[in-house]
PDB file of N, CA and C in Angstrom:
ATOM      1  N   MET A   1      98.593  96.840 156.708  1.00  0.00           N
ATOM      2  CA  MET A   1      98.175  97.001 155.449  1.00  0.00           C
ATOM      3  C   MET A   1      99.032  98.203 155.132  1.00  0.00           C
ATOM      4  N   THR A   2      99.833  97.721 153.992  1.00  0.00           N
ATOM      5  CA  THR A   2     100.759  98.817 153.292  1.00  0.00           C
ATOM      6  C   THR A   2     100.276  98.921 151.271  1.00  0.00           C
ATOM      7  N   ILE A   3     100.926 100.174 151.306  1.00  0.00           N
ATOM      8  CA  ILE A   3     100.846 100.320 149.809  1.00  0.00           C
ATOM      9  C   ILE A   3     102.058 100.617 149.379  1.00  0.00           C
ATOM     10  N   ASP A   4     102.346  99.763 148.530  1.00  0.00           N
ATOM     11  CA  ASP A   4     103.745 100.190 147.579  1.00  0.00           C
ATOM     12  C   ASP A   4     103.455 100.881 146.227  1.00  0.00           C
ATOM     13  N   VAL A   5     103.951 102.123 145.861  1.00  0.00           N
ATOM     14  CA  VAL A   5     104.131 102.637 144.671  1.00  0.00           C
ATOM     15  C   VAL A   5     105.165 101.792 143.991  1.00  0.00           C
ATOM     16  N   VAL A   6     104.483 101.115 142.765  1.00  0.00           N
ATOM     17  CA  VAL A   6     105.250 100.247 141.782  1.00  0.00           C
ATOM     18  C   VAL A   6     106.046 101.044 140.620  1.00  0.00           C
ATOM     19  N   GLU A   7     104.895 101.603 140.228  1.00  0.00           N
ATOM     20  CA  GLU A   7     105.036 102.326 138.874  1.00  0.00           C
ATOM     21  C   GLU A   7     104.083 103.659 138.870  1.00  0.00           C
ATOM     22  N   SER A   8     104.795 104.820 138.766  1.00  0.00           N
ATOM     23  CA  SER A   8     104.115 106.067 138.712  1.00  0.00           C
ATOM     24  C   SER A   8     104.080 107.001 137.481  1.00  0.00           C
ATOM     25  N   ASN A   9     105.093 106.249 136.493  1.00  0.00           N
ATOM     26  CA  ASN A   9     105.469 107.059 135.244  1.00  0.00           C
ATOM     27  C   ASN A   9     104.796 106.383 134.259  1.00  0.00           C
ATOM     28  N   GLY A  10     104.609 105.120 134.219  1.00  0.00           N
ATOM     29  CA  GLY A  10     103.994 104.329 132.978  1.00  0.00           C
ATOM     30  C   GLY A  10     102.694 104.763 132.655  1.00  0.00           C
ATOM     31  N   PRO A  11     101.757 104.179 131.932  1.00  0.00           N
ATOM     32  CA  PRO A  11     100.628 104.243 131.603  1.00  0.00           C
ATOM     33  C   PRO A  11      99.565 104.314 132.554  1.00  0.00           C
ATOM     34  N   ALA A  12     100.168 103.841 133.602  1.00  0.00           N
ATOM     35  CA  ALA A  12      98.901 103.947 134.856  1.00  0.00           C
ATOM     36  C   ALA A  12      99.854 103.726 136.146  1.00  0.00           C
ATOM     37  N   ILE A  13      99.092 104.262 137.287  1.00  0.00           N
ATOM     38  CA  ILE A  13     100.043 104.108 138.400  1.00  0.00           C
ATOM     39  C   ILE A  13      99.777 103.007 139.098  1.00  0.00           C
ATOM     40  N   LEU A  14     100.574 101.991 139.424  1.00  0.00           N
ATOM     41  CA  LEU A  14     100.859 100.756 139.629  1.00  0.00           C
ATOM     42  C   LEU A  14     100.808 100.791 141.243  1.00  0.00           C
ATOM     43  N   LEU A  15      99.866 100.149 142.241  1.00  0.00           N
ATOM     44  CA  LEU A  15     100.104 100.489 143.312  1.00  0.00           C
ATOM     45  C   LEU A  15      99.792  98.899 143.846  1.00  0.00           C
ATOM     46  N   ARG A  16     100.531  98.448 144.870  1.00  0.00           N
ATOM     47  CA  ARG A  16     100.491  96.850 145.345  1.00  0.00           C
ATOM     48  C   ARG A  16     100.520  97.075 147.066  1.00  0.00           C
ATOM     49  N   ALA A  17      99.096  96.354 147.323  1.00  0.00           N
ATOM     50  CA  ALA A  17      98.580  96.439 148.162  1.00  0.00           C
ATOM     51  C   ALA A  17      98.772  95.267 148.985  1.00  0.00           C
ATOM     52  N   LYS A  18      99.130  95.191 150.547  1.00  0.00           N
ATOM     53  CA  LYS A  18      99.645  94.252 151.336  1.00  0.00           C
ATOM     54  C   LYS A  18      99.169  94.120 152.503  1.00  0.00           C
ATOM     55  N   GLY A  19      98.551  92.865 152.750  1.00  0.00           N
ATOM     56  CA  GLY A  19      98.170  92.588 154.432  1.00  0.00           C
ATOM     57  C   GLY A  19      96.655  92.877 154.598  1.00  0.00           C
ATOM     58  N   ARG A  20      96.011  92.923 155.336  1.00  0.00           N
ATOM     59  CA  ARG A  20      94.391  92.812 155.542  1.00  0.00           C
ATOM     60  C   ARG A  20      93.862  94.438 155.518  1.00  0.00           C
ATOM     61  N   ILE A  21      92.985  94.440 154.873  1.00  0.00           N
ATOM     62  CA  ILE A  21      91.936  95.972 154.629  1.00  0.00           C
ATOM     63  C   ILE A  21      90.973  95.774 155.420  1.00  0.00           C
ATOM     64  N   ASN A  22      90.714  96.225 156.523  1.00  0.00           N
ATOM     65  CA  ASN A  22      89.757  95.972 157.314  1.00  0.00           C
ATOM     66  C   ASN A  22      89.332  97.310 158.096  1.00  0.00           C
ATOM     67  N   VAL A  23      88.708  97.162 158.947  1.00  0.00           N
ATOM     68  CA  VAL A  23      88.064  98.291 159.604  1.00  0.00           C
ATOM     69  C   VAL A  23      89.098  99.294 160.191  1.00  0.00           C
ATOM     70  N   LEU A  24      90.242  98.518 160.697  1.00  0.00           N
ATOM     71  CA  LEU A  24      91.572  99.229 161.304  1.00  0.00           C
ATOM     72  C   LEU A  24      92.444  99.748 160.306  1.00  0.00           C
ATOM     73  N   THR A  25      92.217  99.504 158.909  1.00  0.00           N
ATOM     74  CA  THR A  25      93.513  99.696 158.221  1.00  0.00           C
ATOM     75  C   THR A  25      92.756 100.397 156.954  1.00  0.00           C
ATOM     76  N   ALA A  26      91.353 100.288 156.934  1.00  0.00           N
ATOM     77  CA  ALA A  26      90.721 100.859 155.686  1.00  0.00           C
ATOM     78  C   ALA A  26      91.143 102.517 155.370  1.00  0.00           C
ATOM     79  N   ASP A  27      90.988 103.180 156.453  1.00  0.00           N
ATOM     80  CA  ASP A  27      91.102 104.685 156.377  1.00  0.00           C
ATOM     81  C   ASP A  27      92.805 105.154 155.754  1.00  0.00           C
ATOM     82  N   SER A  28      93.773 104.419 156.498  1.00  0.00           N
ATOM     83  CA  SER A  28      95.202 104.409 155.847  1.00  0.00           C
ATOM     84  C   SER A  28      95.240 104.030 154.527  1.00  0.00           C
ATOM     85  N   PHE A  29      94.807 102.980 154.291  1.00  0.00           N
ATOM     86  CA  PHE A  29      94.738 102.291 153.149  1.00  0.00           C
ATOM     87  C   PHE A  29      94.091 103.260 151.803  1.00  0.00           C
ATOM     88  N   GLU A  30      93.013 104.156 151.988  1.00  0.00           N
ATOM     89  CA  GLU A  30      92.326 105.081 151.083  1.00  0.00           C
ATOM     90  C   GLU A  30      93.162 106.194 151.115  1.00  0.00           C
ATOM     91  N   ALA A  31      93.837 106.805 152.238  1.00  0.00           N
ATOM     92  CA  ALA A  31      94.772 107.930 152.370  1.00  0.00           C
ATOM     93  C   ALA A  31      96.018 107.580 151.427  1.00  0.00           C
ATOM     94  N   ASP A  32      96.576 106.329 151.608  1.00  0.00           N
ATOM     95  CA  ASP A  32      97.626 105.942 151.060  1.00  0.00           C
ATOM     96  C   ASP A  32      97.507 105.807 149.377  1.00  0.00           C
ATOM     97  N   VAL A  33      96.511 105.149 148.909  1.00  0.00           N
ATOM     98  CA  VAL A  33      95.995 105.233 147.829  1.00  0.00           C
ATOM     99  C   VAL A  33      95.872 107.114 146.923  1.00  0.00           C
ATOM    100  N   ARG A  34      94.826 107.499 147.822  1.00  0.00           N
ATOM    101  CA  ARG A  34      94.945 109.168 147.218  1.00  0.00           C
ATOM    102  C   ARG A  34      96.269 109.587 147.414  1.00  0.00           C
ATOM    103  N   ASP A  35      96.892 109.698 148.244  1.00  0.00           N
ATOM    104  CA  ASP A  35      98.370 110.423 148.283  1.00  0.00           C
ATOM    105  C   ASP A  35      99.395 109.767 147.096  1.00  0.00           C
ATOM    106  N   ALA A  36      99.128 108.347 146.426  1.00  0.00           N
ATOM    107  CA  ALA A  36     100.089 108.266 145.558  1.00  0.00           C
ATOM    108  C   ALA A  36      99.313 108.472 144.452  1.00  0.00           C
ATOM    109  N   CYS A  37      97.889 108.955 143.977  1.00  0.00           N
ATOM    110  CA  CYS A  37      97.149 109.181 143.051  1.00  0.00           C
ATOM    111  C   CYS A  37      97.397 110.957 142.811  1.00  0.00           C
ATOM    112  N   ALA A  38      97.513 111.600 144.020  1.00  0.00           N
ATOM    113  CA  ALA A  38      97.453 112.969 144.026  1.00  0.00           C
ATOM    114  C   ALA A  38      98.458 113.649 142.930  1.00  0.00           C
ATOM    115  N   GLY A  39      97.584 114.423 141.865  1.00  0.00           N
ATOM    116  CA  GLY A  39      98.470 115.156 140.893  1.00  0.00           C
ATOM    117  C   GLY A  39      98.823 114.520 139.724  1.00  0.00           C
ATOM    118  N   ASN A  40      98.025 113.322 139.508  1.00  0.00           N
ATOM    119  CA  ASN A  40      98.289 112.634 138.582  1.00  0.00           C
ATOM    120  C   ASN A  40      96.924 112.379 137.687  1.00  0.00           C
ATOM    121  N   ARG A  41      96.755 112.359 136.657  1.00  0.00           N
ATOM    122  CA  ARG A  41      95.987 112.182 135.413  1.00  0.00           C
ATOM    123  C   ARG A  41      95.681 110.685 134.855  1.00  0.00           C
ATOM    124  N   ARG A  42      96.532 109.485 135.562  1.00  0.00           N
ATOM    125  CA  ARG A  42      96.642 108.498 135.025  1.00  0.00           C
ATOM    126  C   ARG A  42      95.480 107.493 135.588  1.00  0.00           C
ATOM    127  N   ASP A  43      95.124 106.354 135.013  1.00  0.00           N
ATOM    128  CA  ASP A  43      94.513 105.067 135.373  1.00  0.00           C
ATOM    129  C   ASP A  43      94.963 104.551 136.763  1.00  0.00           C
ATOM    130  N   VAL A  44      94.474 103.749 137.728  1.00  0.00           N
ATOM    131  CA  VAL A  44      94.997 103.502 138.561  1.00  0.00           C
ATOM    132  C   VAL A  44      94.988 101.855 138.752  1.00  0.00           C
ATOM    133  N   ILE A  45      96.020 101.191 138.649  1.00  0.00           N
ATOM    134  CA  ILE A  45      95.958  99.820 139.128  1.00  0.00           C
ATOM    135  C   ILE A  45      96.447  99.402 140.326  1.00  0.00           C
ATOM    136  N   ILE A  46      95.563  98.528 141.184  1.00  0.00           N
ATOM    137  CA  ILE A  46      95.747  97.985 142.451  1.00  0.00           C
ATOM    138  C   ILE A  46      95.828  96.551 142.082  1.00  0.00           C
ATOM    139  N   ASP A  47      97.113  96.194 142.673  1.00  0.00           N
ATOM    140  CA  ASP A  47      97.767  94.861 142.590  1.00  0.00           C
ATOM    141  C   ASP A  47      97.131  93.935 143.893  1.00  0.00           C
ATOM    142  N   GLY A  48      96.527  93.312 143.862  1.00  0.00           N
ATOM    143  CA  GLY A  48      95.843  92.712 145.157  1.00  0.00           C
ATOM    144  C   GLY A  48      96.470  91.386 145.339  1.00  0.00           C
ATOM    145  N   SER A  49      97.451  91.109 144.747  1.00  0.00           N
ATOM    146  CA  SER A  49      98.049  89.619 145.278  1.00  0.00           C
ATOM    147  C   SER A  49      98.539  89.332 146.441  1.00  0.00           C
ATOM    148  N   ALA A  50      98.708  90.466 147.219  1.00  0.00           N
ATOM    149  CA  ALA A  50      99.067  90.372 148.577  1.00  0.00           C
ATOM    150  C   ALA A  50      98.367  90.920 149.774  1.00  0.00           C
ATOM    151  N   VAL A  51      97.087  90.951 149.058  1.00  0.00           N
ATOM    152  CA  VAL A  51      95.724  91.090 150.251  1.00  0.00           C
ATOM    153  C   VAL A  51      95.526  89.945 150.784  1.00  0.00           C
ATOM    154  N   THR A  52      95.538  89.610 152.032  1.00  0.00           N
ATOM    155  CA  THR A  52      95.163  88.641 152.438  1.00  0.00           C
ATOM    156  C   THR A  52      93.662  88.571 153.305  1.00  0.00           C
ATOM    157  N   TYR A  53      92.973  89.839 153.297  1.00  0.00           N
ATOM    158  CA  TYR A  53      91.699  90.179 153.620  1.00  0.00           C
ATOM    159  C   TYR A  53      91.336  91.101 153.209  1.00  0.00           C
ATOM    160  N   LEU A  54      89.902  91.401 153.226  1.00  0.00           N
ATOM    161  CA  LEU A  54      88.963  92.505 152.786  1.00  0.00           C
ATOM    162  C   LEU A  54      88.140  92.389 153.548  1.00  0.00           C
ATOM    163  N   SER A  55      87.649  93.126 154.349  1.00  0.00           N
ATOM    164  CA  SER A  55      86.419  93.379 155.041  1.00  0.00           C
ATOM    165  C   SER A  55      85.176  94.368 154.324  1.00  0.00           C
ATOM    166  N   SER A  56      84.305  94.414 154.814  1.00  0.00           N
ATOM    167  CA  SER A  56      83.112  95.287 153.953  1.00  0.00           C
ATOM    168  C   SER A  56      83.843  97.224 153.922  1.00  0.00           C
ATOM    169  N   ALA A  57      84.751  97.379 155.131  1.00  0.00           N
ATOM    170  CA  ALA A  57      85.150  98.767 155.424  1.00  0.00           C
ATOM    171  C   ALA A  57      86.004  98.553 154.413  1.00  0.00           C
ATOM    172  N   GLY A  58      87.000  97.817 153.630  1.00  0.00           N
ATOM    173  CA  GLY A  58      87.921  97.724 152.691  1.00  0.00           C
ATOM    174  C   GLY A  58      86.949  97.949 151.299  1.00  0.00           C
ATOM    175  N   LEU A  59      86.062  97.049 151.218  1.00  0.00           N
ATOM    176  CA  LEU A  59      85.005  97.216 150.058  1.00  0.00           C
ATOM    177  C   LEU A  59      84.576  98.728 150.091  1.00  0.00           C
ATOM    178  N   ARG A  60      84.314  99.483 150.786  1.00  0.00           N
ATOM    179  CA  ARG A  60      83.880 100.761 150.527  1.00  0.00           C
ATOM    180  C   ARG A  60      84.734 101.409 150.055  1.00  0.00           C
ATOM    181  N   VAL A  61      86.103 101.564 150.559  1.00  0.00           N
ATOM    182  CA  VAL A  61      87.069 102.237 150.255  1.00  0.00           C
ATOM    183  C   VAL A  61      87.322 101.870 148.401  1.00  0.00           C
ATOM    184  N   PHE A  62      87.291 100.887 147.842  1.00  0.00           N
ATOM    185  CA  PHE A  62      87.528 100.604 146.833  1.00  0.00           C
ATOM    186  C   PHE A  62      86.439 101.334 145.839  1.00  0.00           C
ATOM    187  N   ILE A  63      84.959 101.414 146.232  1.00  0.00           N
ATOM    188  CA  ILE A  63      84.125 102.088 145.579  1.00  0.00           C
ATOM    189  C   ILE A  63      84.227 103.653 145.720  1.00  0.00           C
ATOM    190  N   ARG A  64      84.544 104.073 146.928  1.00  0.00           N
ATOM    191  CA  ARG A  64      84.841 105.415 146.847  1.00  0.00           C
ATOM    192  C   ARG A  64      86.014 106.035 145.719  1.00  0.00           C
ATOM    193  N   ILE A  65      87.395 105.177 146.010  1.00  0.00           N
ATOM    194  CA  ILE A  65      88.279 105.643 144.759  1.00  0.00           C
ATOM    195  C   ILE A  65      87.726 105.354 143.494  1.00  0.00           C
ATOM    196  N   TRP A  66      87.043 104.495 143.129  1.00  0.00           N
ATOM    197  CA  TRP A  66      86.478 103.976 141.787  1.00  0.00           C
ATOM    198  C   TRP A  66      85.444 105.522 141.699  1.00  0.00           C
ATOM    199  N   ARG A  67      84.702 105.877 142.642  1.00  0.00           N
ATOM    200  CA  ARG A  67      83.769 106.643 142.123  1.00  0.00           C
ATOM    201  C   ARG A  67      84.406 108.023 141.968  1.00  0.00           C
ATOM    202  N   ASP A  68      85.583 108.286 142.505  1.00  0.00           N
ATOM    203  CA  ASP A  68      86.072 109.675 142.673  1.00  0.00           C
ATOM    204  C   ASP A  68      87.082 109.704 141.252  1.00  0.00           C
ATOM    205  N   LEU A  69      87.778 108.579 140.847  1.00  0.00           N
ATOM    206  CA  LEU A  69      88.526 108.458 139.431  1.00  0.00           C
ATOM    207  C   LEU A  69      87.698 108.467 138.559  1.00  0.00           C
ATOM    208  N   ASN A  70      86.562 107.890 138.713  1.00  0.00           N
ATOM    209  CA  ASN A  70      85.610 107.884 137.431  1.00  0.00           C
ATOM    210  C   ASN A  70      85.265 109.366 137.255  1.00  0.00           C
ATOM    211  N   ALA A  71      84.647 110.070 138.439  1.00  0.00           N
ATOM    212  CA  ALA A  71      84.198 111.580 137.996  1.00  0.00           C
ATOM    213  C   ALA A  71      85.336 112.172 137.512  1.00  0.00           C
ATOM    214  N   ASP A  72      86.413 111.931 137.729  1.00  0.00           N
ATOM    215  CA  ASP A  72      87.755 112.903 136.813  1.00  0.00           C
ATOM    216  C   ASP A  72      88.158 111.992 135.780  1.00  0.00           C
ATOM    217  N   ASN A  73      87.452 110.922 135.191  1.00  0.00           N
ATOM    218  CA  ASN A  73      87.764 110.269 133.924  1.00  0.00           C
ATOM    219  C   ASN A  73      88.947 109.570 133.788  1.00  0.00           C
ATOM    220  N   ARG A  74      89.043 108.790 134.750  1.00  0.00           N
ATOM    221  CA  ARG A  74      89.948 107.725 134.772  1.00  0.00           C
ATOM    222  C   ARG A  74      89.311 106.599 135.747  1.00  0.00           C
ATOM    223  N   ASN A  75      90.139 105.369 135.360  1.00  0.00           N
ATOM    224  CA  ASN A  75      89.669 104.357 135.853  1.00  0.00           C
ATOM    225  C   ASN A  75      90.363 103.685 136.684  1.00  0.00           C
ATOM    226  N   LEU A  76      90.036 102.855 137.605  1.00  0.00           N
ATOM    227  CA  LEU A  76      90.475 101.973 138.636  1.00  0.00           C
ATOM    228  C   LEU A  76      90.170 100.602 138.242  1.00  0.00           C
ATOM    229  N   HIS A  77      91.539  99.751 138.354  1.00  0.00           N
ATOM    230  CA  HIS A  77      91.508  98.494 137.627  1.00  0.00           C
ATOM    231  C   HIS A  77      92.170  97.722 138.853  1.00  0.00           C
ATOM    232  N   VAL A  78      91.566  96.328 139.226  1.00  0.00           N
ATOM    233  CA  VAL A  78      92.087  95.416 140.250  1.00  0.00           C
ATOM    234  C   VAL A  78      92.632  94.535 139.555  1.00  0.00           C
ATOM    235  N   CYS A  79      93.890  93.883 140.011  1.00  0.00           N
ATOM    236  CA  CYS A  79      94.373  92.792 139.461  1.00  0.00           C
ATOM    237  C   CYS A  79      95.007  91.743 140.529  1.00  0.00           C
ATOM    238  N   ALA A  80      95.025  90.404 140.140  1.00  0.00           N
ATOM    239  CA  ALA A  80      95.689  89.555 141.043  1.00  0.00           C
ATOM    240  C   ALA A  80      94.948  89.322 142.436  1.00  0.00           C
ATOM    241  N   LEU A  81      93.504  89.354 142.353  1.00  0.00           N
ATOM    242  CA  LEU A  81      93.096  89.151 143.797  1.00  0.00           C
ATOM    243  C   LEU A  81      93.012  87.344 143.851  1.00  0.00           C
ATOM    244  N   LYS A  82      93.024  87.303 145.338  1.00  0.00           N
ATOM    245  CA  LYS A  82      93.028  85.985 145.859  1.00  0.00           C
ATOM    246  C   LYS A  82      91.767  85.288 145.443  1.00  0.00           C
ATOM    247  N   PRO A  83      91.704  83.734 145.266  1.00  0.00           N
ATOM    248  CA  PRO A  83      90.137  83.693 144.776  1.00  0.00           C
ATOM    249  C   PRO A  83      88.971  84.061 145.778  1.00  0.00           C
ATOM    250  N   TYR A  84      89.243  83.848 146.937  1.00  0.00           N
ATOM    251  CA  TYR A  84      88.369  84.293 147.967  1.00  0.00           C
ATOM    252  C   TYR A  84      87.745  85.483 148.055  1.00  0.00           C
ATOM    253  N   ILE A  85      88.783  86.453 147.482  1.00  0.00           N
ATOM    254  CA  ILE A  85      88.471  87.793 147.572  1.00  0.00           C
ATOM    255  C   ILE A  85      87.724  88.339 146.185  1.00  0.00           C
ATOM    256  N   LEU A  86      88.353  87.709 145.103  1.00  0.00           N
ATOM    257  CA  LEU A  86      87.387  88.082 143.781  1.00  0.00           C
ATOM    258  C   LEU A  86      86.041  87.492 143.984  1.00  0.00           C
ATOM    259  N   GLU A  87      85.957  86.308 144.412  1.00  0.00           N
ATOM    260  CA  GLU A  87      84.387  85.780 144.586  1.00  0.00           C
ATOM    261  C   GLU A  87      83.739  86.958 145.505  1.00  0.00           C
ATOM    262  N   VAL A  88      84.073  87.665 146.381  1.00  0.00           N
ATOM    263  CA  VAL A  88      83.000  88.632 147.113  1.00  0.00           C
ATOM    264  C   VAL A  88      83.108  89.756 145.918  1.00  0.00           C
ATOM    265  N   PHE A  89      83.978  90.307 145.597  1.00  0.00           N
ATOM    266  CA  PHE A  89      83.802  91.278 144.296  1.00  0.00           C
ATOM    267  C   PHE A  89      82.959  90.938 143.462  1.00  0.00           C
ATOM    268  N   ARG A  90      82.868  89.497 142.977  1.00  0.00           N
ATOM    269  CA  ARG A  90      81.662  89.283 141.980  1.00  0.00           C
ATOM    270  C   ARG A  90      80.375  88.988 142.584  1.00  0.00           C
ATOM    271  N   THR A  91      80.477  88.617 143.650  1.00  0.00           N
ATOM    272  CA  THR A  91      79.126  88.470 144.332  1.00  0.00           C
ATOM    273  C   THR A  91      78.357  89.720 144.464  1.00  0.00           C
ATOM    274  N   ILE A  92      79.107  90.760 144.847  1.00  0.00           N
ATOM    275  CA  ILE A  92      78.401  91.935 145.323  1.00  0.00           C
ATOM    276  C   ILE A  92      78.366  92.807 144.055  1.00  0.00           C
ATOM    277  N   GLY A  93      79.030  92.376 142.982  1.00  0.00           N
ATOM    278  CA  GLY A  93      78.635  93.202 141.610  1.00  0.00           C
ATOM    279  C   GLY A  93      79.899  94.231 141.408  1.00  0.00           C
ATOM    280  N   PHE A  94      81.125  94.211 142.197  1.00  0.00           N
ATOM    281  CA  PHE A  94      81.954  95.117 142.055  1.00  0.00           C
ATOM    282  C   PHE A  94      82.762  94.827 140.651  1.00  0.00           C
ATOM    283  N   ASP A  95      82.674  93.730 140.091  1.00  0.00           N
ATOM    284  CA  ASP A  95      83.243  93.487 138.906  1.00  0.00           C
ATOM    285  C   ASP A  95      82.238  93.978 137.511  1.00  0.00           C
ATOM    286  N   LYS A  96      81.443  94.662 138.075  1.00  0.00           N
ATOM    287  CA  LYS A  96      80.685  95.074 136.749  1.00  0.00           C
ATOM    288  C   LYS A  96      80.913  96.774 136.753  1.00  0.00           C
ATOM    289  N   LEU A  97      81.687  97.161 137.707  1.00  0.00           N
ATOM    290  CA  LEU A  97      82.015  98.582 137.620  1.00  0.00           C
ATOM    291  C   LEU A  97      83.592  98.676 137.595  1.00  0.00           C
ATOM    292  N   ILE A  98      84.097  97.916 138.362  1.00  0.00           N
ATOM    293  CA  ILE A  98      85.576  97.937 138.369  1.00  0.00           C
ATOM    294  C   ILE A  98      86.228  96.728 137.643  1.00  0.00           C
ATOM    295  N   PRO A  99      87.010  97.028 136.610  1.00  0.00           N
ATOM    296  CA  PRO A  99      87.686  95.964 135.733  1.00  0.00           C
ATOM    297  C   PRO A  99      88.686  95.146 136.317  1.00  0.00           C
ATOM    298  N   ILE A 100      88.670  93.921 136.645  1.00  0.00           N
ATOM    299  CA  ILE A 100      89.274  93.167 137.502  1.00  0.00           C
ATOM    300  C   ILE A 100      89.990  91.966 136.385  1.00  0.00           C
ATOM    301  N   HIS A 101      91.367  92.095 136.599  1.00  0.00           N
ATOM    302  CA  HIS A 101      92.372  91.571 135.866  1.00  0.00           C
ATOM    303  C   HIS A 101      93.130  90.179 136.574  1.00  0.00           C
ATOM    304  N   ALA A 102      93.529  89.333 135.778  1.00  0.00           N
ATOM    305  CA  ALA A 102      94.000  87.977 136.426  1.00  0.00           C
ATOM    306  C   ALA A 102      95.493  88.526 136.920  1.00  0.00           C
ATOM    307  N   ASP A 103      96.265  89.432 136.311  1.00  0.00           N
ATOM    308  CA  ASP A 103      97.929  89.833 136.658  1.00  0.00           C
ATOM    309  C   ASP A 103      97.931  91.346 136.356  1.00  0.00           C
ATOM    310  N   VAL A 104      98.984  91.770 136.728  1.00  0.00           N
ATOM    311  CA  VAL A 104      99.326  92.930 136.159  1.00  0.00           C
ATOM    312  C   VAL A 104      99.707  93.390 135.075  1.00  0.00           C
ATOM    313  N   THR A 105     100.196  92.453 133.916  1.00  0.00           N
ATOM    314  CA  THR A 105     100.199  92.420 132.632  1.00  0.00           C
ATOM    315  C   THR A 105      98.777  92.500 131.932  1.00  0.00           C
ATOM    316  N   ALA A 106      97.923  91.809 132.148  1.00  0.00           N
ATOM    317  CA  ALA A 106      96.467  91.860 131.735  1.00  0.00           C
ATOM    318  C   ALA A 106      95.867  93.363 132.267  1.00  0.00           C
ATOM    319  N   ALA A 107      96.112  93.945 133.055  1.00  0.00           N
ATOM    320  CA  ALA A 107      95.726  95.228 133.772  1.00  0.00           C
ATOM    321  C   ALA A 107      96.350  96.309 132.750  1.00  0.00           C
ATOM    322  N   LEU A 108      97.365  96.250 132.396  1.00  0.00           N
ATOM    323  CA  LEU A 108      98.366  97.214 131.793  1.00  0.00           C
ATOM    324  C   LEU A 108      98.187  97.285 130.732  1.00  0.00           C
ATOM    325  N   ASP A 109      98.012  95.964 129.991  1.00  0.00           N
ATOM    326  CA  ASP A 109      97.336  95.816 128.437  1.00  0.00           C
ATOM    327  C   ASP A 109      95.901  96.853 128.069  1.00  0.00           C
ATOM    328  N   ALA A 110      95.172  96.436 129.345  1.00  0.00           N
ATOM    329  CA  ALA A 110      93.844  97.193 129.157  1.00  0.00           C
ATOM    330  C   ALA A 110      93.799  98.472 129.298  1.00  0.00           C
ATOM    331  N   VAL A 111      94.497  99.051 130.128  1.00  0.00           N
ATOM    332  CA  VAL A 111      95.101 100.521 130.471  1.00  0.00           C
ATOM    333  C   VAL A 111      95.620 100.980 129.003  1.00  0.00           C
ATOM    334  N   GLN A 112      96.263 100.485 128.767  1.00  0.00           N
ATOM    335  CA  GLN A 112      97.148 100.556 127.059  1.00  0.00           C
ATOM    336  C   GLN A 112      95.934 100.637 125.881  1.00  0.00           C
ATOM    337  N   GLY A 113      95.066 100.130 126.300  1.00  0.00           N
ATOM    338  CA  GLY A 113      94.106  99.787 125.055  1.00  0.00           C
ATOM    339  C   GLY A 113      93.324 100.763 125.050  1.00  0.00           C
ATOM    340  N   ARG A 114      92.821 101.275 126.427  1.00  0.00           N
ATOM    341  CA  ARG A 114      92.173 102.526 126.309  1.00  0.00           C
ATOM    342  C   ARG A 114      92.589 103.914 126.082  1.00  0.00           C
ATOM    343  N   ARG A 115      94.094 103.688 126.226  1.00  0.00           N
ATOM    344  CA  ARG A 115      94.802 105.149 125.740  1.00  0.00           C
ATOM    345  C   ARG A 115      94.993 105.141 124.400  1.00  0.00           C
ATOM    346  N   SER A 116      94.779 104.012 123.626  1.00  0.00           N
ATOM    347  CA  SER A 116      95.130 104.145 122.277  1.00  0.00           C
ATOM    348  C   SER A 116      93.981 104.688 121.488  1.00  0.00           C
TER     349      SER A 116
END
């Protein structure tokens, strides 16, 4: 599991997650996201297009990050999830908390709309 910071100076911090987010990688995934967001007041977009697996440990990380950003008046957006991961997000109701977008462009447009 890796996180690449794609953009940190635009309207949002754009991160690209790659690989499997499971019990073995969830803690490092969370630490990498938090490091990328430290000292920044922008919303966060996680591009999930390269995530191949997401376990319950990974889901807990998403909810913790969402909760902490929300407490700081920021949003977590997720985009480009594979259909089987998107289904999990919808089944457990994460799509009611975390905005999920089809692709990076749609996520950036949503962030821009919030900033306007």
